[in-house]
Amino acid sequence: MNVLVILQGPPYGDERSYNGLRLAGNLAKRDGVTVRVFCFGDAVGCAVAGQRLPDGYYHLDRMITAAAHHGAEVGLCGSCMDARGITDDMIIEHAHRSNLDQCTDWTLWADKTITF
């Protein structure tokens, strides 16, 4: 089964992206499931490298890395990155700058699409 998880929420401040990455990571661990994650809007901030958070906070960059270690692919909306001043050298290794064409392709590829 192919699953696309679309994130739109900010990395911190509400838990939409957190819960979306929890689900994506858990799905990626399952046999026979291929996961792709696409981040729009403020969600592109989830993949910024070197995040420093107070003790007790979840690290979304680490959650992306964990999902990627289980085969998930993570794309970031390039226009959304540009609007937020996020450059390619600021993002973690396991995510990549992408575009609406790739998100469209992934949507057509997916058996299920889930948005957060």
N, C-alpha and C. Protein backbone atom coordinates (compact mmCIF):
# COMPACT_ATOMS: atom_id res chain seq x y z
N MET A 1 0.83 -1.16 0.00
CA MET A 1 0.00 0.00 0.00
C MET A 1 0.89 1.24 0.00
N ASN A 2 0.51 2.24 -0.78
CA ASN A 2 1.22 3.50 -0.86
C ASN A 2 0.43 4.58 -0.13
N VAL A 3 1.09 5.27 0.82
CA VAL A 3 0.42 6.28 1.63
C VAL A 3 1.18 7.60 1.51
N LEU A 4 0.43 8.65 1.22
CA LEU A 4 0.98 10.01 1.20
C LEU A 4 0.41 10.76 2.41
N VAL A 5 1.31 11.34 3.19
CA VAL A 5 0.91 12.16 4.33
C VAL A 5 1.29 13.60 3.98
N ILE A 6 0.30 14.49 3.97
CA ILE A 6 0.53 15.90 3.67
C ILE A 6 0.44 16.69 4.97
N LEU A 7 1.51 17.41 5.26
CA LEU A 7 1.57 18.24 6.46
C LEU A 7 1.44 19.70 6.06
N GLN A 8 0.64 20.45 6.83
CA GLN A 8 0.46 21.87 6.55
C GLN A 8 0.65 22.73 7.80
N GLY A 9 0.63 22.11 8.96
CA GLY A 9 0.70 22.86 10.21
C GLY A 9 2.11 23.25 10.58
N PRO A 10 2.24 24.22 11.47
CA PRO A 10 3.57 24.66 11.90
C PRO A 10 4.28 23.55 12.67
N PRO A 11 5.60 23.60 12.70
CA PRO A 11 6.33 22.55 13.42
C PRO A 11 6.01 22.55 14.92
N TYR A 12 5.82 23.72 15.49
CA TYR A 12 5.52 23.82 16.91
C TYR A 12 4.39 24.82 17.09
N GLY A 13 3.63 24.69 18.14
CA GLY A 13 2.52 25.59 18.39
C GLY A 13 1.18 24.87 18.35
N ASP A 14 1.08 23.88 17.49
CA ASP A 14 -0.03 22.92 17.55
C ASP A 14 0.56 21.56 17.21
N GLU A 15 -0.22 20.55 17.25
CA GLU A 15 0.35 19.21 17.12
C GLU A 15 0.02 18.50 15.81
N ARG A 16 -0.46 19.24 14.81
CA ARG A 16 -0.81 18.58 13.55
C ARG A 16 0.40 17.93 12.89
N SER A 17 1.49 18.67 12.73
CA SER A 17 2.67 18.09 12.09
C SER A 17 3.26 16.97 12.94
N TYR A 18 3.28 17.16 14.24
CA TYR A 18 3.76 16.13 15.15
C TYR A 18 2.98 14.83 14.97
N ASN A 19 1.66 14.92 14.98
CA ASN A 19 0.84 13.72 14.83
C ASN A 19 0.96 13.12 13.44
N GLY A 20 1.08 13.96 12.42
CA GLY A 20 1.28 13.46 11.06
C GLY A 20 2.58 12.69 10.93
N LEU A 21 3.64 13.20 11.54
CA LEU A 21 4.92 12.50 11.49
C LEU A 21 4.92 11.25 12.35
N ARG A 22 4.19 11.27 13.44
CA ARG A 22 4.04 10.04 14.24
C ARG A 22 3.41 8.95 13.40
N LEU A 23 2.32 9.32 12.72
CA LEU A 23 1.63 8.33 11.88
C LEU A 23 2.52 7.88 10.73
N ALA A 24 3.17 8.82 10.06
CA ALA A 24 4.04 8.46 8.93
C ALA A 24 5.15 7.50 9.36
N GLY A 25 5.76 7.80 10.49
CA GLY A 25 6.83 6.93 10.99
C GLY A 25 6.33 5.54 11.34
N ASN A 26 5.16 5.47 11.94
CA ASN A 26 4.60 4.18 12.31
C ASN A 26 4.19 3.38 11.07
N LEU A 27 3.59 4.06 10.11
CA LEU A 27 3.23 3.39 8.85
C LEU A 27 4.46 2.87 8.12
N ALA A 28 5.53 3.67 8.12
CA ALA A 28 6.75 3.28 7.41
C ALA A 28 7.37 2.01 7.97
N LYS A 29 7.09 1.70 9.22
CA LYS A 29 7.62 0.49 9.85
C LYS A 29 6.86 -0.77 9.42
N ARG A 30 5.69 -0.60 8.83
CA ARG A 30 4.84 -1.75 8.49
C ARG A 30 5.30 -2.39 7.18
N ASP A 31 5.26 -3.70 7.15
CA ASP A 31 5.57 -4.43 5.92
C ASP A 31 4.54 -4.11 4.85
N GLY A 32 5.01 -3.93 3.64
CA GLY A 32 4.11 -3.71 2.52
C GLY A 32 3.56 -2.29 2.41
N VAL A 33 4.06 -1.37 3.24
CA VAL A 33 3.59 0.01 3.19
C VAL A 33 4.75 0.92 2.79
N THR A 34 4.52 1.74 1.79
CA THR A 34 5.49 2.73 1.35
C THR A 34 4.90 4.11 1.66
N VAL A 35 5.71 4.94 2.32
CA VAL A 35 5.22 6.23 2.80
C VAL A 35 6.00 7.37 2.17
N ARG A 36 5.27 8.39 1.79
CA ARG A 36 5.86 9.65 1.37
C ARG A 36 5.19 10.76 2.16
N VAL A 37 5.97 11.76 2.54
CA VAL A 37 5.47 12.90 3.30
C VAL A 37 5.76 14.16 2.49
N PHE A 38 4.74 15.00 2.32
CA PHE A 38 4.94 16.28 1.64
C PHE A 38 4.54 17.39 2.58
N CYS A 39 5.44 18.38 2.74
CA CYS A 39 5.22 19.50 3.65
C CYS A 39 4.93 20.78 2.88
N PHE A 40 3.79 21.38 3.18
CA PHE A 40 3.40 22.68 2.65
C PHE A 40 3.46 23.71 3.77
N GLY A 41 3.46 24.99 3.39
CA GLY A 41 3.32 26.08 4.34
C GLY A 41 4.33 26.00 5.48
N ASP A 42 3.85 26.29 6.67
CA ASP A 42 4.73 26.30 7.83
C ASP A 42 5.33 24.94 8.15
N ALA A 43 4.76 23.87 7.63
CA ALA A 43 5.28 22.54 7.91
C ALA A 43 6.69 22.33 7.35
N VAL A 44 7.12 23.14 6.38
CA VAL A 44 8.49 22.99 5.88
C VAL A 44 9.50 23.22 7.00
N GLY A 45 9.11 23.95 8.03
CA GLY A 45 9.99 24.18 9.18
C GLY A 45 10.29 22.92 9.98
N CYS A 46 9.53 21.88 9.77
CA CYS A 46 9.79 20.61 10.47
C CYS A 46 11.14 20.03 10.09
N ALA A 47 11.62 20.34 8.89
CA ALA A 47 12.84 19.74 8.37
C ALA A 47 14.06 20.64 8.51
N VAL A 48 13.96 21.71 9.27
CA VAL A 48 15.12 22.57 9.49
C VAL A 48 16.11 21.84 10.40
N ALA A 49 17.37 21.83 10.00
CA ALA A 49 18.41 21.14 10.75
C ALA A 49 18.81 21.94 11.98
N GLY A 50 19.34 21.26 12.97
CA GLY A 50 19.92 21.90 14.13
C GLY A 50 18.92 22.55 15.07
N GLN A 51 17.73 22.03 15.13
CA GLN A 51 16.72 22.61 16.01
C GLN A 51 17.13 22.43 17.47
N ARG A 52 16.99 23.50 18.23
CA ARG A 52 17.28 23.45 19.67
C ARG A 52 15.99 23.75 20.41
N LEU A 53 15.57 22.78 21.18
CA LEU A 53 14.29 22.89 21.88
C LEU A 53 14.49 22.64 23.37
N PRO A 54 13.60 23.18 24.19
CA PRO A 54 13.67 22.89 25.62
C PRO A 54 13.48 21.39 25.88
N ASP A 55 14.03 20.93 26.97
CA ASP A 55 13.83 19.53 27.36
C ASP A 55 12.34 19.22 27.41
N GLY A 56 12.01 18.05 26.92
CA GLY A 56 10.62 17.61 26.95
C GLY A 56 9.87 17.87 25.65
N TYR A 57 10.42 18.70 24.76
CA TYR A 57 9.77 18.94 23.48
C TYR A 57 10.17 17.86 22.48
N TYR A 58 9.27 17.55 21.59
CA TYR A 58 9.57 16.60 20.52
C TYR A 58 10.39 17.31 19.45
N HIS A 59 11.24 16.55 18.77
CA HIS A 59 12.10 17.07 17.71
C HIS A 59 11.58 16.54 16.37
N LEU A 60 10.91 17.38 15.61
CA LEU A 60 10.32 16.94 14.35
C LEU A 60 11.38 16.58 13.32
N ASP A 61 12.52 17.26 13.34
CA ASP A 61 13.60 16.89 12.42
C ASP A 61 14.05 15.45 12.68
N ARG A 62 14.11 15.06 13.93
CA ARG A 62 14.49 13.69 14.27
C ARG A 62 13.40 12.69 13.88
N MET A 63 12.15 13.13 13.98
CA MET A 63 11.05 12.25 13.59
C MET A 63 11.07 12.00 12.08
N ILE A 64 11.41 13.02 11.30
CA ILE A 64 11.55 12.85 9.86
C ILE A 64 12.67 11.87 9.56
N THR A 65 13.80 12.04 10.25
CA THR A 65 14.94 11.15 10.05
C THR A 65 14.58 9.71 10.38
N ALA A 66 13.86 9.51 11.47
CA ALA A 66 13.44 8.16 11.86
C ALA A 66 12.53 7.54 10.80
N ALA A 67 11.58 8.32 10.31
CA ALA A 67 10.68 7.80 9.25
C ALA A 67 11.49 7.47 7.99
N ALA A 68 12.46 8.32 7.66
CA ALA A 68 13.29 8.07 6.48
C ALA A 68 14.11 6.80 6.63
N HIS A 69 14.55 6.52 7.84
CA HIS A 69 15.31 5.28 8.08
C HIS A 69 14.46 4.04 7.83
N HIS A 70 13.15 4.21 7.86
CA HIS A 70 12.24 3.11 7.57
C HIS A 70 11.69 3.20 6.15
N GLY A 71 12.32 4.05 5.33
CA GLY A 71 11.97 4.10 3.91
C GLY A 71 11.09 5.25 3.47
N ALA A 72 10.63 6.10 4.38
CA ALA A 72 9.78 7.21 3.98
C ALA A 72 10.60 8.25 3.20
N GLU A 73 9.96 8.86 2.23
CA GLU A 73 10.56 9.94 1.46
C GLU A 73 9.85 11.23 1.84
N VAL A 74 10.61 12.32 2.00
CA VAL A 74 10.04 13.58 2.48
C VAL A 74 10.38 14.71 1.51
N GLY A 75 9.33 15.34 0.98
CA GLY A 75 9.49 16.48 0.09
C GLY A 75 8.97 17.74 0.74
N LEU A 76 9.64 18.85 0.46
CA LEU A 76 9.27 20.16 1.01
C LEU A 76 8.91 21.10 -0.13
N CYS A 77 7.81 21.78 0.00
CA CYS A 77 7.39 22.75 -1.01
C CYS A 77 8.45 23.85 -1.13
N GLY A 78 9.06 23.95 -2.30
CA GLY A 78 10.11 24.94 -2.52
C GLY A 78 9.61 26.36 -2.39
N SER A 79 8.43 26.65 -2.90
CA SER A 79 7.86 28.00 -2.78
C SER A 79 7.63 28.36 -1.32
N CYS A 80 7.18 27.39 -0.54
CA CYS A 80 6.93 27.61 0.89
C CYS A 80 8.25 27.82 1.63
N MET A 81 9.29 27.09 1.23
CA MET A 81 10.61 27.30 1.82
C MET A 81 11.09 28.72 1.54
N ASP A 82 10.98 29.14 0.28
CA ASP A 82 11.44 30.47 -0.11
C ASP A 82 10.70 31.56 0.66
N ALA A 83 9.39 31.39 0.82
CA ALA A 83 8.58 32.39 1.52
C ALA A 83 8.99 32.53 2.99
N ARG A 84 9.64 31.50 3.53
CA ARG A 84 10.04 31.51 4.93
C ARG A 84 11.54 31.69 5.11
N GLY A 85 12.24 31.93 4.02
CA GLY A 85 13.68 32.15 4.09
C GLY A 85 14.47 30.90 4.42
N ILE A 86 13.91 29.74 4.12
CA ILE A 86 14.59 28.46 4.39
C ILE A 86 15.30 28.03 3.11
N THR A 87 16.61 27.90 3.19
CA THR A 87 17.41 27.51 2.04
C THR A 87 17.72 26.02 2.09
N ASP A 88 18.16 25.48 0.97
CA ASP A 88 18.46 24.04 0.89
C ASP A 88 19.50 23.61 1.92
N ASP A 89 20.47 24.47 2.21
CA ASP A 89 21.51 24.09 3.16
C ASP A 89 21.04 24.15 4.61
N MET A 90 19.83 24.60 4.83
CA MET A 90 19.27 24.67 6.19
C MET A 90 18.44 23.44 6.55
N ILE A 91 18.17 22.56 5.59
CA ILE A 91 17.29 21.41 5.87
C ILE A 91 18.09 20.14 6.12
N ILE A 92 17.45 19.23 6.81
CA ILE A 92 18.12 17.97 7.15
C ILE A 92 18.35 17.13 5.90
N GLU A 93 19.25 16.20 6.05
CA GLU A 93 19.66 15.31 4.95
C GLU A 93 18.51 14.48 4.40
N HIS A 94 17.55 14.13 5.23
CA HIS A 94 16.51 13.19 4.82
C HIS A 94 15.26 13.84 4.24
N ALA A 95 15.35 15.12 3.89
CA ALA A 95 14.25 15.82 3.23
C ALA A 95 14.85 16.55 2.03
N HIS A 96 13.99 16.86 1.06
CA HIS A 96 14.49 17.56 -0.12
C HIS A 96 13.50 18.62 -0.59
N ARG A 97 14.06 19.66 -1.22
CA ARG A 97 13.23 20.70 -1.85
C ARG A 97 12.44 20.03 -2.97
N SER A 98 11.19 20.35 -3.04
CA SER A 98 10.31 19.74 -4.03
C SER A 98 9.41 20.82 -4.61
N ASN A 99 8.32 20.37 -5.25
CA ASN A 99 7.41 21.32 -5.89
C ASN A 99 6.03 20.69 -6.03
N LEU A 100 5.09 21.48 -6.53
CA LEU A 100 3.71 21.02 -6.66
C LEU A 100 3.60 19.87 -7.66
N ASP A 101 4.45 19.84 -8.68
CA ASP A 101 4.40 18.73 -9.63
C ASP A 101 4.70 17.41 -8.94
N GLN A 102 5.71 17.40 -8.06
CA GLN A 102 6.02 16.16 -7.35
C GLN A 102 4.89 15.79 -6.41
N CYS A 103 4.31 16.75 -5.72
CA CYS A 103 3.18 16.46 -4.84
C CYS A 103 2.01 15.89 -5.64
N THR A 104 1.79 16.42 -6.82
CA THR A 104 0.73 15.91 -7.69
C THR A 104 1.02 14.47 -8.09
N ASP A 105 2.26 14.19 -8.49
CA ASP A 105 2.65 12.83 -8.84
C ASP A 105 2.47 11.88 -7.66
N TRP A 106 2.87 12.32 -6.48
CA TRP A 106 2.75 11.49 -5.29
C TRP A 106 1.29 11.24 -4.95
N THR A 107 0.44 12.22 -5.17
CA THR A 107 -0.99 12.05 -4.90
C THR A 107 -1.58 11.00 -5.83
N LEU A 108 -1.19 11.01 -7.09
CA LEU A 108 -1.68 10.01 -8.04
C LEU A 108 -1.10 8.63 -7.74
N TRP A 109 0.10 8.57 -7.18
CA TRP A 109 0.76 7.32 -6.81
C TRP A 109 0.08 6.67 -5.60
N ALA A 110 -0.42 7.51 -4.70
CA ALA A 110 -0.90 7.04 -3.39
C ALA A 110 -2.22 6.28 -3.48
N ASP A 111 -2.31 5.20 -2.71
CA ASP A 111 -3.59 4.53 -2.50
C ASP A 111 -4.42 5.30 -1.47
N LYS A 112 -3.72 5.94 -0.54
CA LYS A 112 -4.39 6.76 0.49
C LYS A 112 -3.58 8.03 0.69
N THR A 113 -4.31 9.14 0.84
CA THR A 113 -3.69 10.42 1.15
C THR A 113 -4.32 10.94 2.43
N ILE A 114 -3.45 11.33 3.37
CA ILE A 114 -3.89 11.80 4.68
C ILE A 114 -3.30 13.18 4.88
N THR A 115 -4.13 14.12 5.33
CA THR A 115 -3.63 15.47 5.55
C THR A 115 -3.72 15.87 7.02
N PHE A 116 -2.73 16.62 7.44
CA PHE A 116 -2.68 17.16 8.80
C PHE A 116 -2.40 18.64 8.70
